[in-house]
Amino acid sequence: MSFTKTWFKDTSERVAATFVEAFAGLWVLQGATDSFNLDFAKKAAAAGVIAAAAVLKAALASKLGDKDSASLNADLHTVDVTPEVG
């Protein structure tokens, strides 16, 4: 497995997004029903477990897809668009 800079950036973005999405989902569920009542720490812990699953998915994806990406799409290629200086 190759943990390149691109893989790390891609995975970090996916994990952060997954955490926010999971936390928001838990927040909405709490407001939608009285039977789903978690305090802030439990919501954060649940979202963290879900985000950790995103890390495992990214590691697996680098084996099955593009080794430099956290995507399962093997045809996905990252293009460096750094502007030329000079």
C-alpha atoms as a PDB file:
ATOM      1  CA  MET A   1       0.000   0.000   0.000  1.00  0.00           C
ATOM      2  CA  SER A   2       1.300   3.413  -0.929  1.00  0.00           C
ATOM      3  CA  PHE A   3       0.470   6.309   1.391  1.00  0.00           C
ATOM      4  CA  THR A   4       1.312   9.159  -0.929  1.00  0.00           C
ATOM      5  CA  LYS A   5       0.683  12.843  -0.286  1.00  0.00           C
ATOM      6  CA  THR A   6      -2.275  12.693  -2.685  1.00  0.00           C
ATOM      7  CA  TRP A   7      -3.739   9.656  -0.879  1.00  0.00           C
ATOM      8  CA  PHE A   8      -3.376  11.364   2.498  1.00  0.00           C
ATOM      9  CA  LYS A   9      -5.016  14.607   1.312  1.00  0.00           C
ATOM     10  CA  ASP A  10      -7.833  12.694  -0.395  1.00  0.00           C
ATOM     11  CA  THR A  11      -8.425  10.497   2.653  1.00  0.00           C
ATOM     12  CA  SER A  12      -8.308  13.438   5.083  1.00  0.00           C
ATOM     13  CA  GLU A  13     -10.959  15.280   3.082  1.00  0.00           C
ATOM     14  CA  ARG A  14     -13.193  12.203   2.924  1.00  0.00           C
ATOM     15  CA  VAL A  15     -12.835  11.449   6.649  1.00  0.00           C
ATOM     16  CA  ALA A  16     -13.579  15.041   7.669  1.00  0.00           C
ATOM     17  CA  ALA A  17     -16.640  15.130   5.408  1.00  0.00           C
ATOM     18  CA  THR A  18     -17.847  11.765   6.720  1.00  0.00           C
ATOM     19  CA  PHE A  19     -17.485  12.939  10.325  1.00  0.00           C
ATOM     20  CA  VAL A  20     -19.449  16.139   9.680  1.00  0.00           C
ATOM     21  CA  GLU A  21     -22.150  14.259   7.748  1.00  0.00           C
ATOM     22  CA  ALA A  22     -22.510  11.605  10.443  1.00  0.00           C
ATOM     23  CA  PHE A  23     -22.585  14.160  13.249  1.00  0.00           C
ATOM     24  CA  ALA A  24     -25.181  16.257  11.407  1.00  0.00           C
ATOM     25  CA  GLY A  25     -27.269  13.154  10.749  1.00  0.00           C
ATOM     26  CA  LEU A  26     -27.228  12.217  14.420  1.00  0.00           C
ATOM     27  CA  TRP A  27     -28.141  15.792  15.338  1.00  0.00           C
ATOM     28  CA  VAL A  28     -31.119  15.750  12.955  1.00  0.00           C
ATOM     29  CA  LEU A  29     -32.287  12.340  14.182  1.00  0.00           C
ATOM     30  CA  GLN A  30     -32.310  13.579  17.751  1.00  0.00           C
ATOM     31  CA  GLY A  31     -34.601  16.432  16.791  1.00  0.00           C
ATOM     32  CA  ALA A  32     -36.864  14.182  14.738  1.00  0.00           C
ATOM     33  CA  THR A  33     -37.691  11.746  17.516  1.00  0.00           C
ATOM     34  CA  ASP A  34     -37.567  11.611  21.289  1.00  0.00           C
ATOM     35  CA  SER A  35     -36.511   7.956  21.262  1.00  0.00           C
ATOM     36  CA  PHE A  36     -33.081   8.800  19.797  1.00  0.00           C
ATOM     37  CA  ASN A  37     -31.424  10.873  22.487  1.00  0.00           C
ATOM     38  CA  LEU A  38     -27.621  11.097  22.623  1.00  0.00           C
ATOM     39  CA  ASP A  39     -25.507  13.665  24.416  1.00  0.00           C
ATOM     40  CA  PHE A  40     -22.838  15.641  22.539  1.00  0.00           C
ATOM     41  CA  ALA A  41     -19.969  13.272  23.453  1.00  0.00           C
ATOM     42  CA  LYS A  42     -21.883  10.189  22.295  1.00  0.00           C
ATOM     43  CA  LYS A  43     -22.756  11.879  19.000  1.00  0.00           C
ATOM     44  CA  ALA A  44     -19.106  12.801  18.477  1.00  0.00           C
ATOM     45  CA  ALA A  45     -17.980   9.257  19.367  1.00  0.00           C
ATOM     46  CA  ALA A  46     -20.488   7.695  16.962  1.00  0.00           C
ATOM     47  CA  ALA A  47     -19.446  10.082  14.190  1.00  0.00           C
ATOM     48  CA  GLY A  48     -15.789   9.240  14.935  1.00  0.00           C
ATOM     49  CA  VAL A  49     -16.427   5.511  14.539  1.00  0.00           C
ATOM     50  CA  ILE A  50     -18.167   6.160  11.229  1.00  0.00           C
ATOM     51  CA  ALA A  51     -15.263   8.389  10.102  1.00  0.00           C
ATOM     52  CA  ALA A  52     -12.785   5.650  11.093  1.00  0.00           C
ATOM     53  CA  ALA A  53     -14.656   3.344   8.728  1.00  0.00           C
ATOM     54  CA  ALA A  54     -13.934   5.908   5.996  1.00  0.00           C
ATOM     55  CA  VAL A  55     -10.193   5.500   6.692  1.00  0.00           C
ATOM     56  CA  LEU A  56     -10.500   1.720   6.311  1.00  0.00           C
ATOM     57  CA  LYS A  57     -12.440   2.180   3.067  1.00  0.00           C
ATOM     58  CA  ALA A  58      -9.731   4.532   1.765  1.00  0.00           C
ATOM     59  CA  ALA A  59      -6.989   2.017   2.593  1.00  0.00           C
ATOM     60  CA  LEU A  60      -8.914  -0.756   0.833  1.00  0.00           C
ATOM     61  CA  ALA A  61      -9.614   1.509  -2.136  1.00  0.00           C
ATOM     62  CA  SER A  62      -5.904   2.193  -2.628  1.00  0.00           C
ATOM     63  CA  LYS A  63      -5.460  -1.576  -3.086  1.00  0.00           C
ATOM     64  CA  LEU A  64      -8.410  -1.972  -5.479  1.00  0.00           C
ATOM     65  CA  GLY A  65      -8.438   1.371  -7.307  1.00  0.00           C
ATOM     66  CA  ASP A  66      -5.798   3.991  -8.011  1.00  0.00           C
ATOM     67  CA  LYS A  67      -2.963   3.490  -5.497  1.00  0.00           C
ATOM     68  CA  ASP A  68      -2.533   7.258  -5.100  1.00  0.00           C
ATOM     69  CA  SER A  69      -6.195   7.923  -4.373  1.00  0.00           C
ATOM     70  CA  ALA A  70      -8.797   6.990  -1.765  1.00  0.00           C
ATOM     71  CA  SER A  71     -11.279   6.322  -4.573  1.00  0.00           C
ATOM     72  CA  LEU A  72     -12.446   2.895  -5.702  1.00  0.00           C
ATOM     73  CA  ASN A  73     -12.436   4.249  -9.264  1.00  0.00           C
ATOM     74  CA  ALA A  74      -9.278   2.824 -10.850  1.00  0.00           C
ATOM     75  CA  ASP A  75      -9.640   5.249 -13.751  1.00  0.00           C
ATOM     76  CA  LEU A  76      -9.448   8.297 -11.480  1.00  0.00           C
ATOM     77  CA  HIS A  77      -6.233  10.198 -12.039  1.00  0.00           C
ATOM     78  CA  THR A  78      -5.046  13.186 -10.058  1.00  0.00           C
ATOM     79  CA  VAL A  79      -3.709  16.079 -12.105  1.00  0.00           C
ATOM     80  CA  ASP A  80      -1.289  18.551 -10.568  1.00  0.00           C
ATOM     81  CA  VAL A  81      -2.377  22.067 -11.495  1.00  0.00           C
ATOM     82  CA  THR A  82       0.382  23.946  -9.717  1.00  0.00           C
ATOM     83  CA  PRO A  83       0.945  27.215 -11.588  1.00  0.00           C
ATOM     84  CA  GLU A  84       4.340  27.778 -13.119  1.00  0.00           C
ATOM     85  CA  VAL A  85       6.368  30.570 -11.555  1.00  0.00           C
ATOM     86  CA  GLY A  86       8.667  32.667 -13.658  1.00  0.00           C
END
